[in-house]
Amino acid sequence: MLPRAATATLTAATHGSDGSDAAATLTATIHTAGQVAAVALIVTIAVAFYLFTCLVWPFGKCRRCKGVGKFKSPFGKAFRHCPRCDGSGLRVRLGRHVINHMRAVRGAGQNSTSKGDK
């Protein structure tokens, strides 16, 4: 591996300093910024779609009992309720927790007791 000073000297010697390198760097930066913006837009749309689905369908299957709500005993005939979901087979989705938190924070701000006029 070459030391930094030698690398800088080799780079300057092989690429020259006529200014074409700056134009290539600018073009690469523009393409990179466009790609970052496109990825950010796609991620934003995906998160918005997920939050919308959590608004419409707030519950998912319980992961422990797989949505059945009960477990079979090891010997075959007896059943017991799932302790995680209390036998409902449902759980609140992560996005719905986020929506509920945002609503609670907004509601707490609107229900302030101090009006400022007193």
PDB file of N, CA and C in Angstrom:
ATOM      1  N   MET A   1       0.844  -1.168   0.000  1.00  0.00           N
ATOM      2  CA  MET A   1       0.000   0.000   0.000  1.00  0.00           C
ATOM      3  C   MET A   1       0.896   1.240   0.000  1.00  0.00           C
ATOM      4  N   LEU A   2       0.548   2.230  -0.789  1.00  0.00           N
ATOM      5  CA  LEU A   2       1.341   3.451  -0.920  1.00  0.00           C
ATOM      6  C   LEU A   2       0.964   4.463   0.150  1.00  0.00           C
ATOM      7  N   PRO A   3       1.937   5.253   0.599  1.00  0.00           N
ATOM      8  CA  PRO A   3       1.603   6.327   1.544  1.00  0.00           C
ATOM      9  C   PRO A   3       0.717   7.371   0.861  1.00  0.00           C
ATOM     10  N   ARG A   4       0.052   8.196   1.645  1.00  0.00           N
ATOM     11  CA  ARG A   4      -0.875   9.194   1.102  1.00  0.00           C
ATOM     12  C   ARG A   4      -0.174  10.188   0.187  1.00  0.00           C
ATOM     13  N   ALA A   5       0.992  10.638   0.528  1.00  0.00           N
ATOM     14  CA  ALA A   5       1.699  11.631  -0.287  1.00  0.00           C
ATOM     15  C   ALA A   5       2.026  11.061  -1.661  1.00  0.00           C
ATOM     16  N   ALA A   6       2.418   9.807  -1.706  1.00  0.00           N
ATOM     17  CA  ALA A   6       2.737   9.187  -2.990  1.00  0.00           C
ATOM     18  C   ALA A   6       1.476   8.993  -3.821  1.00  0.00           C
ATOM     19  N   THR A   7       0.389   8.650  -3.188  1.00  0.00           N
ATOM     20  CA  THR A   7      -0.865   8.466  -3.906  1.00  0.00           C
ATOM     21  C   THR A   7      -1.329   9.782  -4.511  1.00  0.00           C
ATOM     22  N   ALA A   8      -1.246  10.874  -3.759  1.00  0.00           N
ATOM     23  CA  ALA A   8      -1.663  12.175  -4.269  1.00  0.00           C
ATOM     24  C   ALA A   8      -0.786  12.596  -5.446  1.00  0.00           C
ATOM     25  N   THR A   9       0.494  12.307  -5.370  1.00  0.00           N
ATOM     26  CA  THR A   9       1.406  12.672  -6.454  1.00  0.00           C
ATOM     27  C   THR A   9       1.094  11.860  -7.699  1.00  0.00           C
ATOM     28  N   LEU A  10       0.836  10.558  -7.518  1.00  0.00           N
ATOM     29  CA  LEU A  10       0.525   9.713  -8.669  1.00  0.00           C
ATOM     30  C   LEU A  10      -0.803  10.126  -9.303  1.00  0.00           C
ATOM     31  N   THR A  11      -1.772  10.476  -8.496  1.00  0.00           N
ATOM     32  CA  THR A  11      -3.062  10.882  -9.021  1.00  0.00           C
ATOM     33  C   THR A  11      -2.936  12.179  -9.813  1.00  0.00           C
ATOM     34  N   ALA A  12      -2.228  13.127  -9.276  1.00  0.00           N
ATOM     35  CA  ALA A  12      -2.059  14.398  -9.968  1.00  0.00           C
ATOM     36  C   ALA A  12      -1.257  14.215 -11.250  1.00  0.00           C
ATOM     37  N   ALA A  13      -0.295  13.330 -11.224  1.00  0.00           N
ATOM     38  CA  ALA A  13       0.534  13.129 -12.407  1.00  0.00           C
ATOM     39  C   ALA A  13      -0.210  12.397 -13.513  1.00  0.00           C
ATOM     40  N   THR A  14      -1.080  11.474 -13.170  1.00  0.00           N
ATOM     41  CA  THR A  14      -1.758  10.690 -14.196  1.00  0.00           C
ATOM     42  C   THR A  14      -3.013  11.363 -14.721  1.00  0.00           C
ATOM     43  N   HIS A  15      -3.714  12.133 -13.895  1.00  0.00           N
ATOM     44  CA  HIS A  15      -4.973  12.722 -14.322  1.00  0.00           C
ATOM     45  C   HIS A  15      -4.842  14.145 -14.837  1.00  0.00           C
ATOM     46  N   GLY A  16      -3.789  14.799 -14.548  1.00  0.00           N
ATOM     47  CA  GLY A  16      -3.614  16.170 -15.027  1.00  0.00           C
ATOM     48  C   GLY A  16      -4.442  17.150 -14.234  1.00  0.00           C
ATOM     49  N   SER A  17      -4.304  18.408 -14.550  1.00  0.00           N
ATOM     50  CA  SER A  17      -5.042  19.431 -13.824  1.00  0.00           C
ATOM     51  C   SER A  17      -5.669  20.415 -14.810  1.00  0.00           C
ATOM     52  N   ASP A  18      -6.282  19.891 -15.880  1.00  0.00           N
ATOM     53  CA  ASP A  18      -6.861  20.766 -16.894  1.00  0.00           C
ATOM     54  C   ASP A  18      -8.307  21.173 -16.598  1.00  0.00           C
ATOM     55  N   GLY A  19      -8.917  20.660 -15.519  1.00  0.00           N
ATOM     56  CA  GLY A  19     -10.271  21.052 -15.159  1.00  0.00           C
ATOM     57  C   GLY A  19     -11.321  20.047 -15.613  1.00  0.00           C
ATOM     58  N   SER A  20     -10.998  19.093 -16.458  1.00  0.00           N
ATOM     59  CA  SER A  20     -11.981  18.109 -16.893  1.00  0.00           C
ATOM     60  C   SER A  20     -12.350  17.167 -15.758  1.00  0.00           C
ATOM     61  N   ASP A  21     -11.445  16.991 -14.819  1.00  0.00           N
ATOM     62  CA  ASP A  21     -11.722  16.144 -13.665  1.00  0.00           C
ATOM     63  C   ASP A  21     -12.817  16.766 -12.802  1.00  0.00           C
ATOM     64  N   ALA A  22     -12.832  18.079 -12.686  1.00  0.00           N
ATOM     65  CA  ALA A  22     -13.857  18.763 -11.889  1.00  0.00           C
ATOM     66  C   ALA A  22     -15.236  18.595 -12.521  1.00  0.00           C
ATOM     67  N   ALA A  23     -15.321  18.642 -13.842  1.00  0.00           N
ATOM     68  CA  ALA A  23     -16.604  18.459 -14.518  1.00  0.00           C
ATOM     69  C   ALA A  23     -17.116  17.037 -14.335  1.00  0.00           C
ATOM     70  N   ALA A  24     -16.221  16.066 -14.387  1.00  0.00           N
ATOM     71  CA  ALA A  24     -16.622  14.675 -14.184  1.00  0.00           C
ATOM     72  C   ALA A  24     -17.107  14.459 -12.757  1.00  0.00           C
ATOM     73  N   THR A  25     -16.445  15.078 -11.798  1.00  0.00           N
ATOM     74  CA  THR A  25     -16.843  14.960 -10.399  1.00  0.00           C
ATOM     75  C   THR A  25     -18.213  15.599 -10.176  1.00  0.00           C
ATOM     76  N   LEU A  26     -18.452  16.752 -10.797  1.00  0.00           N
ATOM     77  CA  LEU A  26     -19.739  17.424 -10.670  1.00  0.00           C
ATOM     78  C   LEU A  26     -20.855  16.581 -11.275  1.00  0.00           C
ATOM     79  N   THR A  27     -20.610  15.991 -12.425  1.00  0.00           N
ATOM     80  CA  THR A  27     -21.612  15.139 -13.068  1.00  0.00           C
ATOM     81  C   THR A  27     -21.923  13.922 -12.204  1.00  0.00           C
ATOM     82  N   ALA A  28     -20.892  13.313 -11.637  1.00  0.00           N
ATOM     83  CA  ALA A  28     -21.098  12.159 -10.761  1.00  0.00           C
ATOM     84  C   ALA A  28     -21.881  12.558  -9.520  1.00  0.00           C
ATOM     85  N   THR A  29     -21.622  13.745  -8.989  1.00  0.00           N
ATOM     86  CA  THR A  29     -22.341  14.210  -7.810  1.00  0.00           C
ATOM     87  C   THR A  29     -23.807  14.452  -8.129  1.00  0.00           C
ATOM     88  N   ILE A  30     -24.091  15.007  -9.291  1.00  0.00           N
ATOM     89  CA  ILE A  30     -25.486  15.248  -9.690  1.00  0.00           C
ATOM     90  C   ILE A  30     -26.233  13.938  -9.842  1.00  0.00           C
ATOM     91  N   HIS A  31     -25.594  12.948 -10.476  1.00  0.00           N
ATOM     92  CA  HIS A  31     -26.245  11.650 -10.618  1.00  0.00           C
ATOM     93  C   HIS A  31     -26.472  11.015  -9.256  1.00  0.00           C
ATOM     94  N   THR A  32     -25.514  11.127  -8.361  1.00  0.00           N
ATOM     95  CA  THR A  32     -25.658  10.555  -7.030  1.00  0.00           C
ATOM     96  C   THR A  32     -26.775  11.252  -6.260  1.00  0.00           C
ATOM     97  N   ALA A  33     -26.868  12.574  -6.348  1.00  0.00           N
ATOM     98  CA  ALA A  33     -27.926  13.306  -5.655  1.00  0.00           C
ATOM     99  C   ALA A  33     -29.300  12.915  -6.201  1.00  0.00           C
ATOM    100  N   GLY A  34     -29.394  12.716  -7.490  1.00  0.00           N
ATOM    101  CA  GLY A  34     -30.660  12.279  -8.084  1.00  0.00           C
ATOM    102  C   GLY A  34     -31.054  10.891  -7.618  1.00  0.00           C
ATOM    103  N   GLN A  35     -30.072  10.015  -7.484  1.00  0.00           N
ATOM    104  CA  GLN A  35     -30.353   8.668  -7.018  1.00  0.00           C
ATOM    105  C   GLN A  35     -30.785   8.672  -5.555  1.00  0.00           C
ATOM    106  N   VAL A  36     -30.141   9.502  -4.754  1.00  0.00           N
ATOM    107  CA  VAL A  36     -30.511   9.608  -3.342  1.00  0.00           C
ATOM    108  C   VAL A  36     -31.935  10.154  -3.223  1.00  0.00           C
ATOM    109  N   ALA A  37     -32.269  11.145  -4.021  1.00  0.00           N
ATOM    110  CA  ALA A  37     -33.624  11.713  -3.995  1.00  0.00           C
ATOM    111  C   ALA A  37     -34.658  10.670  -4.413  1.00  0.00           C
ATOM    112  N   ALA A  38     -34.339   9.870  -5.420  1.00  0.00           N
ATOM    113  CA  ALA A  38     -35.268   8.826  -5.875  1.00  0.00           C
ATOM    114  C   ALA A  38     -35.479   7.773  -4.793  1.00  0.00           C
ATOM    115  N   VAL A  39     -34.407   7.358  -4.136  1.00  0.00           N
ATOM    116  CA  VAL A  39     -34.531   6.365  -3.065  1.00  0.00           C
ATOM    117  C   VAL A  39     -35.317   6.942  -1.894  1.00  0.00           C
ATOM    118  N   ALA A  40     -35.063   8.207  -1.549  1.00  0.00           N
ATOM    119  CA  ALA A  40     -35.797   8.856  -0.456  1.00  0.00           C
ATOM    120  C   ALA A  40     -37.289   8.940  -0.783  1.00  0.00           C
ATOM    121  N   LEU A  41     -37.620   9.231  -2.027  1.00  0.00           N
ATOM    122  CA  LEU A  41     -39.023   9.290  -2.436  1.00  0.00           C
ATOM    123  C   LEU A  41     -39.677   7.918  -2.342  1.00  0.00           C
ATOM    124  N   ILE A  42     -38.991   6.888  -2.779  1.00  0.00           N
ATOM    125  CA  ILE A  42     -39.541   5.529  -2.728  1.00  0.00           C
ATOM    126  C   ILE A  42     -39.753   5.093  -1.281  1.00  0.00           C
ATOM    127  N   VAL A  43     -38.785   5.385  -0.408  1.00  0.00           N
ATOM    128  CA  VAL A  43     -38.916   5.016   1.006  1.00  0.00           C
ATOM    129  C   VAL A  43     -40.073   5.777   1.652  1.00  0.00           C
ATOM    130  N   THR A  44     -40.216   7.055   1.329  1.00  0.00           N
ATOM    131  CA  THR A  44     -41.314   7.858   1.874  1.00  0.00           C
ATOM    132  C   THR A  44     -42.666   7.306   1.440  1.00  0.00           C
ATOM    133  N   ILE A  45     -42.788   6.938   0.189  1.00  0.00           N
ATOM    134  CA  ILE A  45     -44.042   6.363  -0.317  1.00  0.00           C
ATOM    135  C   ILE A  45     -44.329   5.030   0.360  1.00  0.00           C
ATOM    136  N   ALA A  46     -43.306   4.201   0.551  1.00  0.00           N
ATOM    137  CA  ALA A  46     -43.500   2.902   1.200  1.00  0.00           C
ATOM    138  C   ALA A  46     -43.947   3.068   2.651  1.00  0.00           C
ATOM    139  N   VAL A  47     -43.346   3.999   3.377  1.00  0.00           N
ATOM    140  CA  VAL A  47     -43.734   4.236   4.769  1.00  0.00           C
ATOM    141  C   VAL A  47     -45.156   4.784   4.836  1.00  0.00           C
ATOM    142  N   ALA A  48     -45.504   5.694   3.948  1.00  0.00           N
ATOM    143  CA  ALA A  48     -46.865   6.245   3.928  1.00  0.00           C
ATOM    144  C   ALA A  48     -47.889   5.146   3.625  1.00  0.00           C
ATOM    145  N   PHE A  49     -47.566   4.261   2.686  1.00  0.00           N
ATOM    146  CA  PHE A  49     -48.474   3.153   2.356  1.00  0.00           C
ATOM    147  C   PHE A  49     -48.622   2.214   3.549  1.00  0.00           C
ATOM    148  N   TYR A  50     -47.512   1.916   4.247  1.00  0.00           N
ATOM    149  CA  TYR A  50     -47.590   1.039   5.411  1.00  0.00           C
ATOM    150  C   TYR A  50     -48.439   1.666   6.519  1.00  0.00           C
ATOM    151  N   LEU A  51     -48.251   2.955   6.778  1.00  0.00           N
ATOM    152  CA  LEU A  51     -49.054   3.617   7.806  1.00  0.00           C
ATOM    153  C   LEU A  51     -50.533   3.658   7.420  1.00  0.00           C
ATOM    154  N   PHE A  52     -50.811   3.820   6.124  1.00  0.00           N
ATOM    155  CA  PHE A  52     -52.201   3.785   5.674  1.00  0.00           C
ATOM    156  C   PHE A  52     -52.808   2.404   5.901  1.00  0.00           C
ATOM    157  N   THR A  53     -52.068   1.345   5.599  1.00  0.00           N
ATOM    158  CA  THR A  53     -52.598  -0.007   5.827  1.00  0.00           C
ATOM    159  C   THR A  53     -52.787  -0.273   7.319  1.00  0.00           C
ATOM    160  N   CYS A  54     -51.906   0.301   8.160  1.00  0.00           N
ATOM    161  CA  CYS A  54     -52.080   0.143   9.604  1.00  0.00           C
ATOM    162  C   CYS A  54     -53.294   0.921  10.106  1.00  0.00           C
ATOM    163  N   LEU A  55     -53.635   1.986   9.418  1.00  0.00           N
ATOM    164  CA  LEU A  55     -54.833   2.749   9.770  1.00  0.00           C
ATOM    165  C   LEU A  55     -56.092   1.955   9.423  1.00  0.00           C
ATOM    166  N   VAL A  56     -56.071   1.279   8.276  1.00  0.00           N
ATOM    167  CA  VAL A  56     -57.236   0.510   7.831  1.00  0.00           C
ATOM    168  C   VAL A  56     -57.323  -0.837   8.546  1.00  0.00           C
ATOM    169  N   TRP A  57     -56.207  -1.553   8.664  1.00  0.00           N
ATOM    170  CA  TRP A  57     -56.154  -2.857   9.311  1.00  0.00           C
ATOM    171  C   TRP A  57     -55.188  -2.783  10.490  1.00  0.00           C
ATOM    172  N   PRO A  58     -55.670  -2.379  11.680  1.00  0.00           N
ATOM    173  CA  PRO A  58     -54.756  -2.141  12.805  1.00  0.00           C
ATOM    174  C   PRO A  58     -54.203  -3.408  13.454  1.00  0.00           C
ATOM    175  N   PHE A  59     -54.816  -4.549  13.208  1.00  0.00           N
ATOM    176  CA  PHE A  59     -54.390  -5.771  13.881  1.00  0.00           C
ATOM    177  C   PHE A  59     -53.752  -6.750  12.904  1.00  0.00           C
ATOM    178  N   GLY A  60     -52.801  -7.501  13.432  1.00  0.00           N
ATOM    179  CA  GLY A  60     -52.173  -8.587  12.682  1.00  0.00           C
ATOM    180  C   GLY A  60     -52.315  -9.868  13.481  1.00  0.00           C
ATOM    181  N   LYS A  61     -51.823 -10.966  12.920  1.00  0.00           N
ATOM    182  CA  LYS A  61     -51.877 -12.240  13.621  1.00  0.00           C
ATOM    183  C   LYS A  61     -50.882 -12.239  14.775  1.00  0.00           C
ATOM    184  N   CYS A  62     -51.276 -12.868  15.860  1.00  0.00           N
ATOM    185  CA  CYS A  62     -50.359 -13.056  16.981  1.00  0.00           C
ATOM    186  C   CYS A  62     -49.221 -13.950  16.506  1.00  0.00           C
ATOM    187  N   ARG A  63     -47.995 -13.559  16.833  1.00  0.00           N
ATOM    188  CA  ARG A  63     -46.845 -14.323  16.341  1.00  0.00           C
ATOM    189  C   ARG A  63     -46.635 -15.615  17.114  1.00  0.00           C
ATOM    190  N   ARG A  64     -47.066 -15.666  18.344  1.00  0.00           N
ATOM    191  CA  ARG A  64     -46.831 -16.864  19.138  1.00  0.00           C
ATOM    192  C   ARG A  64     -47.791 -17.989  18.744  1.00  0.00           C
ATOM    193  N   CYS A  65     -49.088 -17.690  18.612  1.00  0.00           N
ATOM    194  CA  CYS A  65     -50.064 -18.736  18.293  1.00  0.00           C
ATOM    195  C   CYS A  65     -50.446 -18.741  16.815  1.00  0.00           C
ATOM    196  N   LYS A  66     -49.841 -17.852  16.022  1.00  0.00           N
ATOM    197  CA  LYS A  66     -50.084 -17.736  14.585  1.00  0.00           C
ATOM    198  C   LYS A  66     -51.544 -17.412  14.255  1.00  0.00           C
ATOM    199  N   GLY A  67     -52.196 -16.656  15.142  1.00  0.00           N
ATOM    200  CA  GLY A  67     -53.550 -16.178  14.888  1.00  0.00           C
ATOM    201  C   GLY A  67     -54.646 -17.128  15.307  1.00  0.00           C
ATOM    202  N   VAL A  68     -54.316 -18.278  15.865  1.00  0.00           N
ATOM    203  CA  VAL A  68     -55.334 -19.247  16.274  1.00  0.00           C
ATOM    204  C   VAL A  68     -55.932 -18.855  17.618  1.00  0.00           C
ATOM    205  N   GLY A  69     -55.114 -18.355  18.542  1.00  0.00           N
ATOM    206  CA  GLY A  69     -55.607 -17.931  19.840  1.00  0.00           C
ATOM    207  C   GLY A  69     -55.505 -18.989  20.905  1.00  0.00           C
ATOM    208  N   LYS A  70     -55.070 -20.179  20.529  1.00  0.00           N
ATOM    209  CA  LYS A  70     -54.953 -21.249  21.519  1.00  0.00           C
ATOM    210  C   LYS A  70     -53.808 -22.180  21.152  1.00  0.00           C
ATOM    211  N   PHE A  71     -53.362 -22.925  22.154  1.00  0.00           N
ATOM    212  CA  PHE A  71     -52.309 -23.914  21.979  1.00  0.00           C
ATOM    213  C   PHE A  71     -52.857 -25.288  22.307  1.00  0.00           C
ATOM    214  N   LYS A  72     -52.369 -26.277  21.630  1.00  0.00           N
ATOM    215  CA  LYS A  72     -52.728 -27.651  21.928  1.00  0.00           C
ATOM    216  C   LYS A  72     -51.750 -28.177  22.969  1.00  0.00           C
ATOM    217  N   SER A  73     -52.244 -29.013  23.860  1.00  0.00           N
ATOM    218  CA  SER A  73     -51.371 -29.575  24.886  1.00  0.00           C
ATOM    219  C   SER A  73     -50.394 -30.558  24.251  1.00  0.00           C
ATOM    220  N   PRO A  74     -49.310 -30.850  24.928  1.00  0.00           N
ATOM    221  CA  PRO A  74     -48.333 -31.783  24.361  1.00  0.00           C
ATOM    222  C   PRO A  74     -48.877 -33.198  24.176  1.00  0.00           C
ATOM    223  N   PHE A  75     -49.917 -33.558  24.934  1.00  0.00           N
ATOM    224  CA  PHE A  75     -50.444 -34.919  24.827  1.00  0.00           C
ATOM    225  C   PHE A  75     -51.656 -35.028  23.929  1.00  0.00           C
ATOM    226  N   GLY A  76     -52.113 -33.922  23.330  1.00  0.00           N
ATOM    227  CA  GLY A  76     -53.057 -34.052  22.244  1.00  0.00           C
ATOM    228  C   GLY A  76     -54.433 -33.462  22.329  1.00  0.00           C
ATOM    229  N   LYS A  77     -55.182 -33.573  23.440  1.00  0.00           N
ATOM    230  CA  LYS A  77     -56.596 -33.232  23.369  1.00  0.00           C
ATOM    231  C   LYS A  77     -56.970 -31.917  24.050  1.00  0.00           C
ATOM    232  N   ALA A  78     -56.206 -31.446  24.970  1.00  0.00           N
ATOM    233  CA  ALA A  78     -56.555 -30.227  25.712  1.00  0.00           C
ATOM    234  C   ALA A  78     -56.001 -28.987  25.004  1.00  0.00           C
ATOM    235  N   PHE A  79     -56.720 -27.862  25.143  1.00  0.00           N
ATOM    236  CA  PHE A  79     -56.283 -26.587  24.598  1.00  0.00           C
ATOM    237  C   PHE A  79     -56.170 -25.574  25.724  1.00  0.00           C
ATOM    238  N   ARG A  80     -55.325 -24.580  25.527  1.00  0.00           N
ATOM    239  CA  ARG A  80     -55.259 -23.450  26.446  1.00  0.00           C
ATOM    240  C   ARG A  80     -55.138 -22.181  25.619  1.00  0.00           C
ATOM    241  N   HIS A  81     -55.570 -21.073  26.199  1.00  0.00           N
ATOM    242  CA  HIS A  81     -55.503 -19.795  25.508  1.00  0.00           C
ATOM    243  C   HIS A  81     -54.071 -19.305  25.429  1.00  0.00           C
ATOM    244  N   CYS A  82     -53.765 -18.583  24.345  1.00  0.00           N
ATOM    245  CA  CYS A  82     -52.440 -17.998  24.160  1.00  0.00           C
ATOM    246  C   CYS A  82     -52.259 -16.887  25.187  1.00  0.00           C
ATOM    247  N   PRO A  83     -51.167 -16.920  25.967  1.00  0.00           N
ATOM    248  CA  PRO A  83     -50.988 -15.876  26.984  1.00  0.00           C
ATOM    249  C   PRO A  83     -50.629 -14.520  26.404  1.00  0.00           C
ATOM    250  N   ARG A  84     -50.062 -14.477  25.229  1.00  0.00           N
ATOM    251  CA  ARG A  84     -49.652 -13.197  24.646  1.00  0.00           C
ATOM    252  C   ARG A  84     -50.858 -12.405  24.152  1.00  0.00           C
ATOM    253  N   CYS A  85     -51.782 -13.057  23.465  1.00  0.00           N
ATOM    254  CA  CYS A  85     -52.938 -12.340  22.902  1.00  0.00           C
ATOM    255  C   CYS A  85     -54.216 -12.587  23.686  1.00  0.00           C
ATOM    256  N   ASP A  86     -54.156 -13.311  24.795  1.00  0.00           N
ATOM    257  CA  ASP A  86     -55.313 -13.662  25.630  1.00  0.00           C
ATOM    258  C   ASP A  86     -56.395 -14.391  24.842  1.00  0.00           C
ATOM    259  N   GLY A  87     -55.994 -15.179  23.873  1.00  0.00           N
ATOM    260  CA  GLY A  87     -56.934 -16.007  23.131  1.00  0.00           C
ATOM    261  C   GLY A  87     -57.602 -15.329  21.954  1.00  0.00           C
ATOM    262  N   SER A  88     -57.287 -14.079  21.678  1.00  0.00           N
ATOM    263  CA  SER A  88     -57.933 -13.394  20.555  1.00  0.00           C
ATOM    264  C   SER A  88     -57.280 -13.741  19.222  1.00  0.00           C
ATOM    265  N   GLY A  89     -55.996 -14.074  19.243  1.00  0.00           N
ATOM    266  CA  GLY A  89     -55.276 -14.363  18.005  1.00  0.00           C
ATOM    267  C   GLY A  89     -54.795 -13.121  17.290  1.00  0.00           C
ATOM    268  N   LEU A  90     -54.979 -11.948  17.900  1.00  0.00           N
ATOM    269  CA  LEU A  90     -54.620 -10.688  17.256  1.00  0.00           C
ATOM    270  C   LEU A  90     -53.572  -9.938  18.061  1.00  0.00           C
ATOM    271  N   ARG A  91     -52.830  -9.079  17.387  1.00  0.00           N
ATOM    272  CA  ARG A  91     -51.868  -8.178  18.015  1.00  0.00           C
ATOM    273  C   ARG A  91     -51.970  -6.836  17.307  1.00  0.00           C
ATOM    274  N   VAL A  92     -51.592  -5.778  17.993  1.00  0.00           N
ATOM    275  CA  VAL A  92     -51.587  -4.446  17.392  1.00  0.00           C
ATOM    276  C   VAL A  92     -50.295  -4.314  16.584  1.00  0.00           C
ATOM    277  N   ARG A  93     -50.412  -3.883  15.331  1.00  0.00           N
ATOM    278  CA  ARG A  93     -49.248  -3.748  14.458  1.00  0.00           C
ATOM    279  C   ARG A  93     -48.375  -2.575  14.896  1.00  0.00           C
ATOM    280  N   LEU A  94     -47.102  -2.632  14.544  1.00  0.00           N
ATOM    281  CA  LEU A  94     -46.141  -1.595  14.932  1.00  0.00           C
ATOM    282  C   LEU A  94     -46.559  -0.226  14.400  1.00  0.00           C
ATOM    283  N   GLY A  95     -46.996  -0.153  13.160  1.00  0.00           N
ATOM    284  CA  GLY A  95     -47.428   1.119  12.586  1.00  0.00           C
ATOM    285  C   GLY A  95     -48.626   1.704  13.310  1.00  0.00           C
ATOM    286  N   ARG A  96     -49.507   0.844  13.819  1.00  0.00           N
ATOM    287  CA  ARG A  96     -50.664   1.332  14.563  1.00  0.00           C
ATOM    288  C   ARG A  96     -50.229   1.918  15.905  1.00  0.00           C
ATOM    289  N   HIS A  97     -49.188   1.330  16.508  1.00  0.00           N
ATOM    290  CA  HIS A  97     -48.638   1.917  17.733  1.00  0.00           C
ATOM    291  C   HIS A  97     -48.128   3.330  17.446  1.00  0.00           C
ATOM    292  N   VAL A  98     -47.475   3.518  16.306  1.00  0.00           N
ATOM    293  CA  VAL A  98     -46.958   4.839  15.920  1.00  0.00           C
ATOM    294  C   VAL A  98     -48.115   5.812  15.722  1.00  0.00           C
ATOM    295  N   ILE A  99     -49.158   5.385  15.032  1.00  0.00           N
ATOM    296  CA  ILE A  99     -50.330   6.240  14.796  1.00  0.00           C
ATOM    297  C   ILE A  99     -50.990   6.617  16.121  1.00  0.00           C
ATOM    298  N   ASN A 100     -51.149   5.639  17.020  1.00  0.00           N
ATOM    299  CA  ASN A 100     -51.760   5.918  18.323  1.00  0.00           C
ATOM    300  C   ASN A 100     -50.921   6.914  19.124  1.00  0.00           C
ATOM    301  N   HIS A 101     -49.595   6.779  19.054  1.00  0.00           N
ATOM    302  CA  HIS A 101     -48.720   7.711  19.768  1.00  0.00           C
ATOM    303  C   HIS A 101     -48.843   9.123  19.196  1.00  0.00           C
ATOM    304  N   MET A 102     -48.865   9.235  17.859  1.00  0.00           N
ATOM    305  CA  MET A 102     -49.006  10.561  17.237  1.00  0.00           C
ATOM    306  C   MET A 102     -50.332  11.204  17.619  1.00  0.00           C
ATOM    307  N   ARG A 103     -51.407  10.421  17.670  1.00  0.00           N
ATOM    308  CA  ARG A 103     -52.707  10.955  18.071  1.00  0.00           C
ATOM    309  C   ARG A 103     -52.702  11.398  19.533  1.00  0.00           C
ATOM    310  N   ALA A 104     -52.037  10.629  20.392  1.00  0.00           N
ATOM    311  CA  ALA A 104     -51.987  10.985  21.812  1.00  0.00           C
ATOM    312  C   ALA A 104     -51.195  12.271  22.029  1.00  0.00           C
ATOM    313  N   VAL A 105     -50.093  12.424  21.323  1.00  0.00           N
ATOM    314  CA  VAL A 105     -49.286  13.637  21.455  1.00  0.00           C
ATOM    315  C   VAL A 105     -50.051  14.838  20.935  1.00  0.00           C
ATOM    316  N   ARG A 106     -50.725  14.694  19.829  1.00  0.00           N
ATOM    317  CA  ARG A 106     -51.509  15.799  19.276  1.00  0.00           C
ATOM    318  C   ARG A 106     -52.667  16.154  20.190  1.00  0.00           C
ATOM    319  N   GLY A 107     -53.334  15.134  20.736  1.00  0.00           N
ATOM    320  CA  GLY A 107     -54.444  15.381  21.654  1.00  0.00           C
ATOM    321  C   GLY A 107     -53.992  16.039  22.936  1.00  0.00           C
ATOM    322  N   ALA A 108     -52.809  15.689  23.422  1.00  0.00           N
ATOM    323  CA  ALA A 108     -52.292  16.295  24.645  1.00  0.00           C
ATOM    324  C   ALA A 108     -51.991  17.772  24.419  1.00  0.00           C
ATOM    325  N   GLY A 109     -51.573  18.128  23.243  1.00  0.00           N
ATOM    326  CA  GLY A 109     -51.296  19.532  22.934  1.00  0.00           C
ATOM    327  C   GLY A 109     -52.570  20.348  22.793  1.00  0.00           C
ATOM    328  N   GLN A 110     -53.626  19.742  22.297  1.00  0.00           N
ATOM    329  CA  GLN A 110     -54.888  20.461  22.126  1.00  0.00           C
ATOM    330  C   GLN A 110     -55.668  20.577  23.422  1.00  0.00           C
ATOM    331  N   ASN A 111     -55.438  19.684  24.358  1.00  0.00           N
ATOM    332  CA  ASN A 111     -56.199  19.673  25.628  1.00  0.00           C
ATOM    333  C   ASN A 111     -55.470  20.406  26.724  1.00  0.00           C
ATOM    334  N   SER A 112     -54.663  21.369  26.358  1.00  0.00           N
ATOM    335  CA  SER A 112     -53.893  22.125  27.350  1.00  0.00           C
ATOM    336  C   SER A 112     -54.847  22.960  28.206  1.00  0.00           C
ATOM    337  N   THR A 113     -54.561  23.010  29.524  1.00  0.00           N
ATOM    338  CA  THR A 113     -55.427  23.767  30.432  1.00  0.00           C
ATOM    339  C   THR A 113     -55.063  25.250  30.507  1.00  0.00           C
ATOM    340  N   SER A 114     -53.830  25.576  30.151  1.00  0.00           N
ATOM    341  CA  SER A 114     -53.451  26.990  30.210  1.00  0.00           C
ATOM    342  C   SER A 114     -53.801  27.663  28.888  1.00  0.00           C
ATOM    343  N   LYS A 115     -54.603  28.720  28.956  1.00  0.00           N
ATOM    344  CA  LYS A 115     -55.042  29.429  27.756  1.00  0.00           C
ATOM    345  C   LYS A 115     -54.211  30.674  27.468  1.00  0.00           C
ATOM    346  N   GLY A 116     -53.429  31.129  28.428  1.00  0.00           N
ATOM    347  CA  GLY A 116     -52.590  32.288  28.224  1.00  0.00           C
ATOM    348  C   GLY A 116     -53.243  33.621  28.526  1.00  0.00           C
ATOM    349  N   ASP A 117     -54.559  33.665  28.692  1.00  0.00           N
ATOM    350  CA  ASP A 117     -55.266  34.922  28.960  1.00  0.00           C
ATOM    351  C   ASP A 117     -55.416  35.190  30.452  1.00  0.00           C
ATOM    352  N   LYS A 118     -55.167  34.218  31.277  1.00  0.00           N
ATOM    353  CA  LYS A 118     -55.433  34.352  32.705  1.00  0.00           C
ATOM    354  C   LYS A 118     -54.312  34.988  33.438  1.00  0.00           C
TER     355      LYS A 118
END
